[in-house]
Amino acid sequence: MIKGGMRPGDAILLTKPIGTGTLFAALPQLKTKGRWIDAALESMVKSNRLGAQCLREYGSKACTDLTGFGLLGHLVEMTRPSEVDAELDLSALPLLDGALEMVSAGIVSSLQPANVRLRRAIRNQAEYVNDPRYPLIFDPQTAGGLLATVPGDQAEACVAALKKLGYEHTAIIGRILPQGEAIEPIVLKG
């Protein structure tokens, strides 16, 4: 699989919840709950190997693992070589327990400001800048899940298969659109 294999009509899937950056930034401040950190660690140690195999079986041509660049950074990195746009549904994002609370409290990773510079890739960011989930698209991940696309007609079956493999937070978080005239490749919805 390659990062540049996205096609219009593909569904965007994410196999693990996001929020490790904010949770581990809050840990030294003693703002997190133990169960939040336990759940984050459990997610982090889950290997992506079986998920990648499953995605390939369902026709994925574009896949990457989420790292310190955050969800938006990786999505932009994938849309450019694919020459497509993407619609990202904030309401569909799988989030680690406590992540929304910590980011809403203003606690973010020291790496997050570098990721926020990519907000210029969002066509309609002014509409969503106050959405409580908005900062989490910039949250740097440690041992994050797989961000991948599969053909739209395979998406539901692929999600079900991934959940059977133990990726219980897998979600369809958006869709790939034909490249438009706008410079910004990402459109948010919520």
N, C-alpha and C. Protein backbone atom coordinates (compact mmCIF):
# COMPACT_ATOMS: atom_id res chain seq x y z
N MET A 1 0.84 -1.18 0.00
CA MET A 1 0.00 0.00 0.00
C MET A 1 0.89 1.25 0.00
N ILE A 2 0.36 2.29 -0.57
CA ILE A 2 1.09 3.54 -0.65
C ILE A 2 0.24 4.67 -0.08
N LYS A 3 0.87 5.78 0.22
CA LYS A 3 0.13 6.92 0.74
C LYS A 3 -0.69 7.61 -0.34
N GLY A 4 -0.29 7.47 -1.60
CA GLY A 4 -0.93 8.21 -2.68
C GLY A 4 -1.97 7.44 -3.47
N GLY A 5 -2.58 6.43 -2.89
CA GLY A 5 -3.52 5.61 -3.64
C GLY A 5 -4.99 5.91 -3.42
N MET A 6 -5.32 7.09 -2.90
CA MET A 6 -6.72 7.43 -2.63
C MET A 6 -7.46 7.71 -3.93
N ARG A 7 -8.76 7.31 -3.97
CA ARG A 7 -9.59 7.53 -5.15
C ARG A 7 -10.92 8.14 -4.73
N PRO A 8 -11.48 9.05 -5.53
CA PRO A 8 -12.80 9.59 -5.21
C PRO A 8 -13.81 8.46 -4.99
N GLY A 9 -14.62 8.61 -3.97
CA GLY A 9 -15.58 7.58 -3.61
C GLY A 9 -15.10 6.66 -2.51
N ASP A 10 -13.79 6.65 -2.26
CA ASP A 10 -13.26 5.84 -1.16
C ASP A 10 -13.76 6.37 0.18
N ALA A 11 -13.90 5.46 1.13
CA ALA A 11 -14.19 5.83 2.52
C ALA A 11 -12.87 5.92 3.28
N ILE A 12 -12.80 6.86 4.21
CA ILE A 12 -11.62 7.02 5.05
C ILE A 12 -11.89 6.30 6.36
N LEU A 13 -11.00 5.38 6.73
CA LEU A 13 -11.13 4.61 7.97
C LEU A 13 -10.00 4.94 8.93
N LEU A 14 -10.31 4.87 10.21
CA LEU A 14 -9.31 5.00 11.27
C LEU A 14 -9.52 3.83 12.22
N THR A 15 -8.44 3.10 12.52
CA THR A 15 -8.57 1.85 13.28
C THR A 15 -8.41 1.99 14.79
N LYS A 16 -7.88 3.10 15.27
CA LYS A 16 -7.71 3.29 16.71
C LYS A 16 -8.17 4.70 17.08
N PRO A 17 -8.61 4.88 18.32
CA PRO A 17 -9.01 6.22 18.74
C PRO A 17 -7.80 7.14 18.89
N ILE A 18 -8.04 8.44 18.75
CA ILE A 18 -6.97 9.43 18.88
C ILE A 18 -7.05 10.13 20.24
N GLY A 19 -5.95 10.78 20.61
CA GLY A 19 -5.91 11.54 21.86
C GLY A 19 -4.72 11.26 22.74
N THR A 20 -3.75 10.46 22.26
CA THR A 20 -2.60 10.16 23.13
C THR A 20 -1.79 11.40 23.47
N GLY A 21 -1.71 12.35 22.55
CA GLY A 21 -0.91 13.55 22.80
C GLY A 21 -1.41 14.34 23.99
N THR A 22 -2.70 14.65 23.99
CA THR A 22 -3.27 15.44 25.09
C THR A 22 -3.27 14.65 26.40
N LEU A 23 -3.56 13.35 26.34
CA LEU A 23 -3.59 12.55 27.57
C LEU A 23 -2.22 12.48 28.24
N PHE A 24 -1.19 12.26 27.44
CA PHE A 24 0.14 12.14 28.04
C PHE A 24 0.75 13.50 28.38
N ALA A 25 0.23 14.57 27.78
CA ALA A 25 0.63 15.92 28.21
C ALA A 25 -0.01 16.23 29.57
N ALA A 26 -1.20 15.69 29.81
CA ALA A 26 -1.90 15.94 31.07
C ALA A 26 -1.38 15.08 32.21
N LEU A 27 -0.75 13.97 31.89
CA LEU A 27 -0.29 13.04 32.92
C LEU A 27 0.65 13.67 33.94
N PRO A 28 1.71 14.39 33.53
CA PRO A 28 2.61 14.98 34.53
C PRO A 28 1.93 16.07 35.38
N GLN A 29 0.84 16.61 34.85
CA GLN A 29 0.09 17.63 35.59
C GLN A 29 -0.93 17.00 36.54
N LEU A 30 -0.98 15.65 36.53
CA LEU A 30 -1.91 14.89 37.37
C LEU A 30 -3.37 15.26 37.10
N LYS A 31 -3.66 15.54 35.82
CA LYS A 31 -5.03 15.92 35.42
C LYS A 31 -5.81 14.73 34.87
N THR A 32 -5.13 13.64 34.52
CA THR A 32 -5.81 12.51 33.91
C THR A 32 -6.30 11.53 34.96
N LYS A 33 -7.16 10.65 34.52
CA LYS A 33 -7.61 9.55 35.36
C LYS A 33 -6.82 8.31 34.97
N GLY A 34 -6.54 7.46 35.92
CA GLY A 34 -5.77 6.25 35.66
C GLY A 34 -6.38 5.38 34.58
N ARG A 35 -7.70 5.27 34.57
CA ARG A 35 -8.35 4.42 33.56
C ARG A 35 -8.18 5.00 32.16
N TRP A 36 -8.06 6.34 32.04
CA TRP A 36 -7.83 6.95 30.73
C TRP A 36 -6.45 6.55 30.20
N ILE A 37 -5.46 6.61 31.08
CA ILE A 37 -4.09 6.25 30.67
C ILE A 37 -4.01 4.76 30.37
N ASP A 38 -4.66 3.93 31.20
CA ASP A 38 -4.67 2.49 30.94
C ASP A 38 -5.26 2.18 29.57
N ALA A 39 -6.37 2.84 29.23
CA ALA A 39 -7.01 2.61 27.93
C ALA A 39 -6.12 3.09 26.79
N ALA A 40 -5.44 4.22 26.99
CA ALA A 40 -4.53 4.73 25.96
C ALA A 40 -3.37 3.76 25.74
N LEU A 41 -2.81 3.26 26.83
CA LEU A 41 -1.70 2.30 26.71
C LEU A 41 -2.15 1.01 26.03
N GLU A 42 -3.34 0.55 26.36
CA GLU A 42 -3.88 -0.66 25.74
C GLU A 42 -4.02 -0.45 24.23
N SER A 43 -4.50 0.71 23.83
CA SER A 43 -4.62 1.03 22.41
C SER A 43 -3.24 1.10 21.74
N MET A 44 -2.30 1.71 22.43
CA MET A 44 -0.97 1.90 21.85
C MET A 44 -0.24 0.58 21.61
N VAL A 45 -0.43 -0.40 22.48
CA VAL A 45 0.30 -1.66 22.32
C VAL A 45 -0.36 -2.60 21.32
N LYS A 46 -1.55 -2.26 20.85
CA LYS A 46 -2.24 -3.09 19.85
C LYS A 46 -1.50 -2.94 18.51
N SER A 47 -0.99 -4.04 18.02
CA SER A 47 -0.25 -4.04 16.75
C SER A 47 -1.17 -3.67 15.59
N ASN A 48 -0.61 -2.98 14.61
CA ASN A 48 -1.34 -2.62 13.39
C ASN A 48 -1.22 -3.69 12.30
N ARG A 49 -0.46 -4.74 12.56
CA ARG A 49 -0.18 -5.74 11.52
C ARG A 49 -1.44 -6.38 10.95
N LEU A 50 -2.30 -6.92 11.81
CA LEU A 50 -3.52 -7.57 11.33
C LEU A 50 -4.46 -6.57 10.66
N GLY A 51 -4.49 -5.36 11.19
CA GLY A 51 -5.32 -4.32 10.59
C GLY A 51 -4.88 -4.00 9.17
N ALA A 52 -3.58 -3.91 8.96
CA ALA A 52 -3.05 -3.63 7.62
C ALA A 52 -3.39 -4.75 6.65
N GLN A 53 -3.28 -6.00 7.11
CA GLN A 53 -3.63 -7.14 6.25
C GLN A 53 -5.10 -7.10 5.87
N CYS A 54 -5.95 -6.79 6.85
CA CYS A 54 -7.38 -6.73 6.61
C CYS A 54 -7.72 -5.61 5.62
N LEU A 55 -7.14 -4.46 5.81
CA LEU A 55 -7.40 -3.34 4.91
C LEU A 55 -7.01 -3.70 3.47
N ARG A 56 -5.89 -4.36 3.32
CA ARG A 56 -5.44 -4.79 1.99
C ARG A 56 -6.47 -5.74 1.37
N GLU A 57 -7.01 -6.67 2.17
CA GLU A 57 -8.00 -7.63 1.68
C GLU A 57 -9.28 -6.93 1.19
N TYR A 58 -9.57 -5.76 1.74
CA TYR A 58 -10.77 -5.03 1.34
C TYR A 58 -10.47 -3.93 0.32
N GLY A 59 -9.31 -4.02 -0.32
CA GLY A 59 -9.03 -3.15 -1.45
C GLY A 59 -8.36 -1.83 -1.12
N SER A 60 -7.80 -1.69 0.09
CA SER A 60 -7.12 -0.44 0.42
C SER A 60 -5.88 -0.26 -0.44
N LYS A 61 -5.75 0.93 -1.00
CA LYS A 61 -4.57 1.27 -1.79
C LYS A 61 -3.76 2.39 -1.12
N ALA A 62 -4.32 2.98 -0.06
CA ALA A 62 -3.64 4.08 0.63
C ALA A 62 -3.76 3.85 2.13
N CYS A 63 -2.62 3.82 2.82
CA CYS A 63 -2.63 3.54 4.25
C CYS A 63 -1.36 4.08 4.89
N THR A 64 -1.50 4.60 6.10
CA THR A 64 -0.35 5.01 6.89
C THR A 64 -0.71 4.88 8.36
N ASP A 65 0.30 4.82 9.22
CA ASP A 65 0.02 4.80 10.65
C ASP A 65 0.10 6.22 11.18
N LEU A 66 -0.76 6.53 12.15
CA LEU A 66 -0.75 7.87 12.73
C LEU A 66 0.41 8.01 13.69
N THR A 67 1.13 9.12 13.55
CA THR A 67 2.27 9.40 14.41
C THR A 67 2.16 10.84 14.91
N GLY A 68 3.30 11.43 15.17
CA GLY A 68 3.36 12.77 15.72
C GLY A 68 2.81 13.87 14.84
N PHE A 69 2.59 13.59 13.56
CA PHE A 69 2.03 14.60 12.66
C PHE A 69 0.53 14.78 12.85
N GLY A 70 -0.10 13.87 13.57
CA GLY A 70 -1.53 13.97 13.84
C GLY A 70 -2.38 13.55 12.65
N LEU A 71 -3.67 13.43 12.90
CA LEU A 71 -4.61 12.99 11.87
C LEU A 71 -4.60 13.91 10.65
N LEU A 72 -4.70 15.21 10.87
CA LEU A 72 -4.75 16.13 9.74
C LEU A 72 -3.45 16.08 8.93
N GLY A 73 -2.33 16.05 9.61
CA GLY A 73 -1.04 16.01 8.92
C GLY A 73 -0.92 14.81 7.99
N HIS A 74 -1.34 13.66 8.48
CA HIS A 74 -1.26 12.46 7.65
C HIS A 74 -2.28 12.48 6.52
N LEU A 75 -3.47 13.00 6.80
CA LEU A 75 -4.49 13.06 5.75
C LEU A 75 -4.04 13.98 4.61
N VAL A 76 -3.48 15.14 4.95
CA VAL A 76 -2.98 16.06 3.93
C VAL A 76 -1.85 15.38 3.15
N GLU A 77 -0.97 14.70 3.86
CA GLU A 77 0.15 14.01 3.24
C GLU A 77 -0.31 12.95 2.24
N MET A 78 -1.50 12.40 2.46
CA MET A 78 -2.03 11.38 1.57
C MET A 78 -2.83 11.96 0.41
N THR A 79 -3.51 13.09 0.62
CA THR A 79 -4.34 13.66 -0.44
C THR A 79 -3.50 14.25 -1.57
N ARG A 80 -2.40 14.86 -1.24
CA ARG A 80 -1.60 15.54 -2.27
C ARG A 80 -1.12 14.60 -3.38
N PRO A 81 -0.41 13.50 -3.05
CA PRO A 81 0.04 12.64 -4.15
C PRO A 81 -1.11 11.91 -4.84
N SER A 82 -2.25 11.79 -4.15
CA SER A 82 -3.42 11.13 -4.74
C SER A 82 -4.20 12.08 -5.65
N GLU A 83 -3.92 13.38 -5.54
CA GLU A 83 -4.62 14.42 -6.31
C GLU A 83 -6.13 14.34 -6.07
N VAL A 84 -6.49 14.32 -4.78
CA VAL A 84 -7.90 14.28 -4.37
C VAL A 84 -8.11 15.25 -3.22
N ASP A 85 -9.38 15.48 -2.90
CA ASP A 85 -9.76 16.21 -1.70
C ASP A 85 -10.37 15.21 -0.73
N ALA A 86 -10.54 15.62 0.52
CA ALA A 86 -11.12 14.73 1.52
C ALA A 86 -12.09 15.48 2.39
N GLU A 87 -13.17 14.80 2.76
CA GLU A 87 -14.13 15.33 3.72
C GLU A 87 -13.95 14.53 5.01
N LEU A 88 -13.69 15.25 6.09
CA LEU A 88 -13.43 14.63 7.39
C LEU A 88 -14.59 14.96 8.33
N ASP A 89 -15.21 13.93 8.89
CA ASP A 89 -16.38 14.09 9.76
C ASP A 89 -15.93 14.09 11.22
N LEU A 90 -15.90 15.27 11.83
CA LEU A 90 -15.45 15.38 13.23
C LEU A 90 -16.31 14.54 14.17
N SER A 91 -17.61 14.44 13.89
CA SER A 91 -18.49 13.69 14.79
C SER A 91 -18.23 12.19 14.74
N ALA A 92 -17.53 11.71 13.72
CA ALA A 92 -17.26 10.28 13.58
C ALA A 92 -15.91 9.87 14.17
N LEU A 93 -15.10 10.82 14.60
CA LEU A 93 -13.76 10.48 15.09
C LEU A 93 -13.82 9.62 16.35
N PRO A 94 -13.13 8.48 16.35
CA PRO A 94 -13.03 7.72 17.59
C PRO A 94 -12.02 8.41 18.52
N LEU A 95 -12.42 8.67 19.76
CA LEU A 95 -11.57 9.39 20.70
C LEU A 95 -11.28 8.53 21.92
N LEU A 96 -10.07 8.61 22.42
CA LEU A 96 -9.73 7.95 23.67
C LEU A 96 -10.49 8.61 24.81
N ASP A 97 -10.89 7.81 25.79
CA ASP A 97 -11.56 8.37 26.96
C ASP A 97 -10.69 9.44 27.59
N GLY A 98 -11.28 10.57 27.87
CA GLY A 98 -10.57 11.67 28.52
C GLY A 98 -9.93 12.66 27.56
N ALA A 99 -9.75 12.28 26.30
CA ALA A 99 -9.06 13.17 25.36
C ALA A 99 -9.83 14.47 25.15
N LEU A 100 -11.13 14.37 24.97
CA LEU A 100 -11.94 15.57 24.76
C LEU A 100 -11.90 16.47 25.99
N GLU A 101 -11.96 15.88 27.17
CA GLU A 101 -11.91 16.66 28.41
C GLU A 101 -10.57 17.40 28.55
N MET A 102 -9.48 16.70 28.24
CA MET A 102 -8.15 17.31 28.42
C MET A 102 -7.90 18.41 27.39
N VAL A 103 -8.26 18.18 26.14
CA VAL A 103 -8.03 19.20 25.12
C VAL A 103 -8.97 20.39 25.38
N SER A 104 -10.17 20.13 25.89
CA SER A 104 -11.10 21.22 26.23
C SER A 104 -10.59 22.05 27.39
N ALA A 105 -9.76 21.43 28.22
CA ALA A 105 -9.14 22.15 29.34
C ALA A 105 -7.89 22.90 28.90
N GLY A 106 -7.57 22.82 27.60
CA GLY A 106 -6.41 23.54 27.08
C GLY A 106 -5.10 22.79 27.20
N ILE A 107 -5.16 21.52 27.53
CA ILE A 107 -3.94 20.73 27.69
C ILE A 107 -3.63 20.03 26.37
N VAL A 108 -2.52 20.41 25.76
CA VAL A 108 -2.11 19.81 24.49
C VAL A 108 -0.63 19.45 24.55
N SER A 109 -0.24 18.56 23.68
CA SER A 109 1.16 18.14 23.57
C SER A 109 2.03 19.32 23.14
N SER A 110 3.29 19.28 23.53
CA SER A 110 4.23 20.31 23.09
C SER A 110 4.46 20.25 21.57
N LEU A 111 4.12 19.14 20.95
CA LEU A 111 4.26 19.01 19.49
C LEU A 111 3.07 19.57 18.73
N GLN A 112 1.96 19.81 19.42
CA GLN A 112 0.74 20.23 18.74
C GLN A 112 0.87 21.55 17.97
N PRO A 113 1.51 22.58 18.52
CA PRO A 113 1.59 23.85 17.77
C PRO A 113 2.19 23.69 16.38
N ALA A 114 3.16 22.82 16.22
CA ALA A 114 3.74 22.59 14.89
C ALA A 114 2.71 21.97 13.95
N ASN A 115 1.84 21.12 14.48
CA ASN A 115 0.81 20.49 13.66
C ASN A 115 -0.29 21.48 13.27
N VAL A 116 -0.57 22.43 14.14
CA VAL A 116 -1.65 23.39 13.89
C VAL A 116 -1.37 24.25 12.65
N ARG A 117 -0.13 24.38 12.27
CA ARG A 117 0.18 25.17 11.07
C ARG A 117 -0.51 24.61 9.84
N LEU A 118 -0.87 23.33 9.87
CA LEU A 118 -1.55 22.70 8.74
C LEU A 118 -3.01 23.09 8.63
N ARG A 119 -3.51 23.91 9.54
CA ARG A 119 -4.90 24.35 9.46
C ARG A 119 -5.18 25.06 8.14
N ARG A 120 -4.15 25.56 7.50
CA ARG A 120 -4.33 26.24 6.21
C ARG A 120 -4.79 25.26 5.13
N ALA A 121 -4.72 23.95 5.39
CA ALA A 121 -5.19 22.95 4.43
C ALA A 121 -6.69 22.69 4.55
N ILE A 122 -7.34 23.34 5.53
CA ILE A 122 -8.77 23.13 5.76
C ILE A 122 -9.55 24.26 5.10
N ARG A 123 -10.38 23.92 4.16
CA ARG A 123 -11.13 24.89 3.37
C ARG A 123 -12.12 25.68 4.23
N ASN A 124 -12.77 25.02 5.18
CA ASN A 124 -13.84 25.65 5.96
C ASN A 124 -13.53 25.67 7.46
N GLN A 125 -12.28 25.89 7.81
CA GLN A 125 -11.89 25.81 9.22
C GLN A 125 -12.63 26.81 10.10
N ALA A 126 -12.99 27.98 9.59
CA ALA A 126 -13.68 28.98 10.41
C ALA A 126 -14.99 28.44 10.96
N GLU A 127 -15.63 27.55 10.23
CA GLU A 127 -16.90 26.97 10.68
C GLU A 127 -16.72 26.00 11.85
N TYR A 128 -15.53 25.44 12.00
CA TYR A 128 -15.33 24.36 12.97
C TYR A 128 -14.28 24.66 14.04
N VAL A 129 -13.67 25.83 13.98
CA VAL A 129 -12.58 26.14 14.91
C VAL A 129 -13.05 26.08 16.37
N ASN A 130 -14.33 26.28 16.63
CA ASN A 130 -14.83 26.22 18.00
C ASN A 130 -15.44 24.87 18.36
N ASP A 131 -15.42 23.92 17.43
CA ASP A 131 -15.90 22.57 17.74
C ASP A 131 -14.93 21.97 18.76
N PRO A 132 -15.42 21.35 19.84
CA PRO A 132 -14.52 20.81 20.86
C PRO A 132 -13.60 19.71 20.33
N ARG A 133 -13.97 19.05 19.23
CA ARG A 133 -13.13 17.99 18.66
C ARG A 133 -12.06 18.53 17.72
N TYR A 134 -12.22 19.76 17.27
CA TYR A 134 -11.30 20.35 16.29
C TYR A 134 -9.82 20.23 16.70
N PRO A 135 -9.45 20.58 17.94
CA PRO A 135 -8.02 20.48 18.29
C PRO A 135 -7.46 19.07 18.19
N LEU A 136 -8.31 18.07 18.29
CA LEU A 136 -7.82 16.69 18.27
C LEU A 136 -7.36 16.23 16.89
N ILE A 137 -7.74 16.93 15.82
CA ILE A 137 -7.22 16.55 14.50
C ILE A 137 -5.74 16.92 14.36
N PHE A 138 -5.25 17.75 15.28
CA PHE A 138 -3.83 18.14 15.29
C PHE A 138 -3.03 17.38 16.35
N ASP A 139 -3.72 16.59 17.18
CA ASP A 139 -3.09 15.91 18.31
C ASP A 139 -2.06 14.89 17.83
N PRO A 140 -0.80 15.03 18.24
CA PRO A 140 0.21 14.07 17.81
C PRO A 140 -0.02 12.72 18.49
N GLN A 141 0.06 11.67 17.71
CA GLN A 141 -0.20 10.33 18.24
C GLN A 141 1.10 9.56 18.46
N THR A 142 1.09 8.73 19.47
CA THR A 142 2.15 7.76 19.70
C THR A 142 1.52 6.39 19.51
N ALA A 143 2.11 5.58 18.64
CA ALA A 143 1.59 4.24 18.35
C ALA A 143 0.12 4.31 17.96
N GLY A 144 -0.20 5.22 17.06
CA GLY A 144 -1.57 5.41 16.63
C GLY A 144 -2.05 4.32 15.70
N GLY A 145 -3.30 4.43 15.33
CA GLY A 145 -3.91 3.45 14.45
C GLY A 145 -3.56 3.69 12.99
N LEU A 146 -4.23 2.95 12.14
CA LEU A 146 -4.03 3.09 10.71
C LEU A 146 -5.08 4.02 10.13
N LEU A 147 -4.62 4.93 9.31
CA LEU A 147 -5.49 5.82 8.54
C LEU A 147 -5.43 5.28 7.12
N ALA A 148 -6.58 4.87 6.60
CA ALA A 148 -6.59 4.21 5.30
C ALA A 148 -7.87 4.53 4.56
N THR A 149 -7.83 4.28 3.27
CA THR A 149 -9.05 4.36 2.47
C THR A 149 -9.33 2.99 1.88
N VAL A 150 -10.63 2.72 1.74
CA VAL A 150 -11.08 1.51 1.04
C VAL A 150 -12.20 1.95 0.10
N PRO A 151 -12.45 1.19 -0.96
CA PRO A 151 -13.56 1.54 -1.83
C PRO A 151 -14.85 1.68 -1.01
N GLY A 152 -15.65 2.68 -1.34
CA GLY A 152 -16.85 2.97 -0.57
C GLY A 152 -17.77 1.78 -0.39
N ASP A 153 -17.87 0.93 -1.41
CA ASP A 153 -18.78 -0.22 -1.30
C ASP A 153 -18.21 -1.35 -0.44
N GLN A 154 -16.97 -1.23 -0.01
CA GLN A 154 -16.34 -2.22 0.87
C GLN A 154 -16.21 -1.73 2.31
N ALA A 155 -16.54 -0.47 2.56
CA ALA A 155 -16.24 0.16 3.84
C ALA A 155 -16.91 -0.51 5.03
N GLU A 156 -18.22 -0.73 4.96
CA GLU A 156 -18.94 -1.31 6.10
C GLU A 156 -18.42 -2.72 6.41
N ALA A 157 -18.22 -3.53 5.38
CA ALA A 157 -17.71 -4.88 5.60
C ALA A 157 -16.30 -4.85 6.17
N CYS A 158 -15.49 -3.92 5.72
CA CYS A 158 -14.12 -3.80 6.23
C CYS A 158 -14.13 -3.40 7.70
N VAL A 159 -14.98 -2.44 8.07
CA VAL A 159 -15.09 -2.02 9.47
C VAL A 159 -15.50 -3.21 10.33
N ALA A 160 -16.47 -3.97 9.88
CA ALA A 160 -16.93 -5.14 10.65
C ALA A 160 -15.79 -6.15 10.82
N ALA A 161 -15.02 -6.38 9.76
CA ALA A 161 -13.90 -7.32 9.84
C ALA A 161 -12.82 -6.82 10.79
N LEU A 162 -12.53 -5.52 10.73
CA LEU A 162 -11.52 -4.95 11.63
C LEU A 162 -11.97 -5.06 13.09
N LYS A 163 -13.23 -4.81 13.34
CA LYS A 163 -13.75 -4.93 14.71
C LYS A 163 -13.63 -6.36 15.21
N LYS A 164 -13.88 -7.35 14.34
CA LYS A 164 -13.73 -8.76 14.72
C LYS A 164 -12.29 -9.09 15.08
N LEU A 165 -11.36 -8.38 14.45
CA LEU A 165 -9.93 -8.60 14.71
C LEU A 165 -9.45 -7.88 15.97
N GLY A 166 -10.34 -7.15 16.64
CA GLY A 166 -9.97 -6.48 17.88
C GLY A 166 -9.77 -4.98 17.77
N TYR A 167 -9.98 -4.42 16.59
CA TYR A 167 -9.88 -2.97 16.42
C TYR A 167 -11.29 -2.40 16.62
N GLU A 168 -11.76 -2.50 17.86
CA GLU A 168 -13.17 -2.21 18.16
C GLU A 168 -13.57 -0.76 17.97
N HIS A 169 -12.60 0.14 17.90
CA HIS A 169 -12.91 1.57 17.72
C HIS A 169 -12.87 2.01 16.26
N THR A 170 -12.64 1.08 15.35
CA THR A 170 -12.57 1.42 13.92
C THR A 170 -13.82 2.17 13.50
N ALA A 171 -13.60 3.23 12.73
CA ALA A 171 -14.72 4.05 12.28
C ALA A 171 -14.45 4.59 10.89
N ILE A 172 -15.54 4.81 10.17
CA ILE A 172 -15.47 5.53 8.90
C ILE A 172 -15.52 7.01 9.28
N ILE A 173 -14.45 7.73 9.00
CA ILE A 173 -14.34 9.12 9.46
C ILE A 173 -14.45 10.15 8.34
N GLY A 174 -14.70 9.69 7.14
CA GLY A 174 -14.82 10.64 6.04
C GLY A 174 -14.85 9.93 4.71
N ARG A 175 -14.70 10.74 3.66
CA ARG A 175 -14.72 10.19 2.31
C ARG A 175 -13.80 11.01 1.41
N ILE A 176 -13.40 10.37 0.34
CA ILE A 176 -12.52 11.02 -0.63
C ILE A 176 -13.36 11.62 -1.74
N LEU A 177 -13.04 12.85 -2.09
CA LEU A 177 -13.76 13.62 -3.11
C LEU A 177 -12.83 13.88 -4.30
N PRO A 178 -13.40 14.12 -5.48
CA PRO A 178 -12.56 14.55 -6.60
C PRO A 178 -11.86 15.85 -6.23
N GLN A 179 -10.69 16.06 -6.76
CA GLN A 179 -9.96 17.30 -6.49
C GLN A 179 -10.72 18.48 -7.08
N GLY A 180 -10.95 19.48 -6.24
CA GLY A 180 -11.68 20.66 -6.68
C GLY A 180 -10.74 21.80 -7.06
N GLU A 181 -11.31 22.96 -7.26
CA GLU A 181 -10.54 24.13 -7.66
C GLU A 181 -9.82 24.79 -6.49
N ALA A 182 -10.35 24.59 -5.27
CA ALA A 182 -9.77 25.24 -4.09
C ALA A 182 -8.38 24.70 -3.79
N ILE A 183 -7.53 25.54 -3.23
CA ILE A 183 -6.19 25.13 -2.84
C ILE A 183 -6.23 24.16 -1.67
N GLU A 184 -7.17 24.38 -0.74
CA GLU A 184 -7.25 23.57 0.48
C GLU A 184 -7.92 22.24 0.17
N PRO A 185 -7.23 21.11 0.48
CA PRO A 185 -7.78 19.81 0.12
C PRO A 185 -8.77 19.21 1.12
N ILE A 186 -8.86 19.78 2.31
CA ILE A 186 -9.67 19.16 3.37
C ILE A 186 -10.91 20.00 3.67
N VAL A 187 -12.05 19.32 3.75
CA VAL A 187 -13.31 19.94 4.14
C VAL A 187 -13.78 19.23 5.40
N LEU A 188 -14.14 19.99 6.41
CA LEU A 188 -14.66 19.40 7.65
C LEU A 188 -16.17 19.37 7.64
N LYS A 189 -16.72 18.40 8.34
CA LYS A 189 -18.15 18.38 8.63
C LYS A 189 -18.29 17.86 10.05
N GLY A 190 -19.41 18.09 10.66
CA GLY A 190 -19.54 17.68 12.04
C GLY A 190 -20.92 17.26 12.37
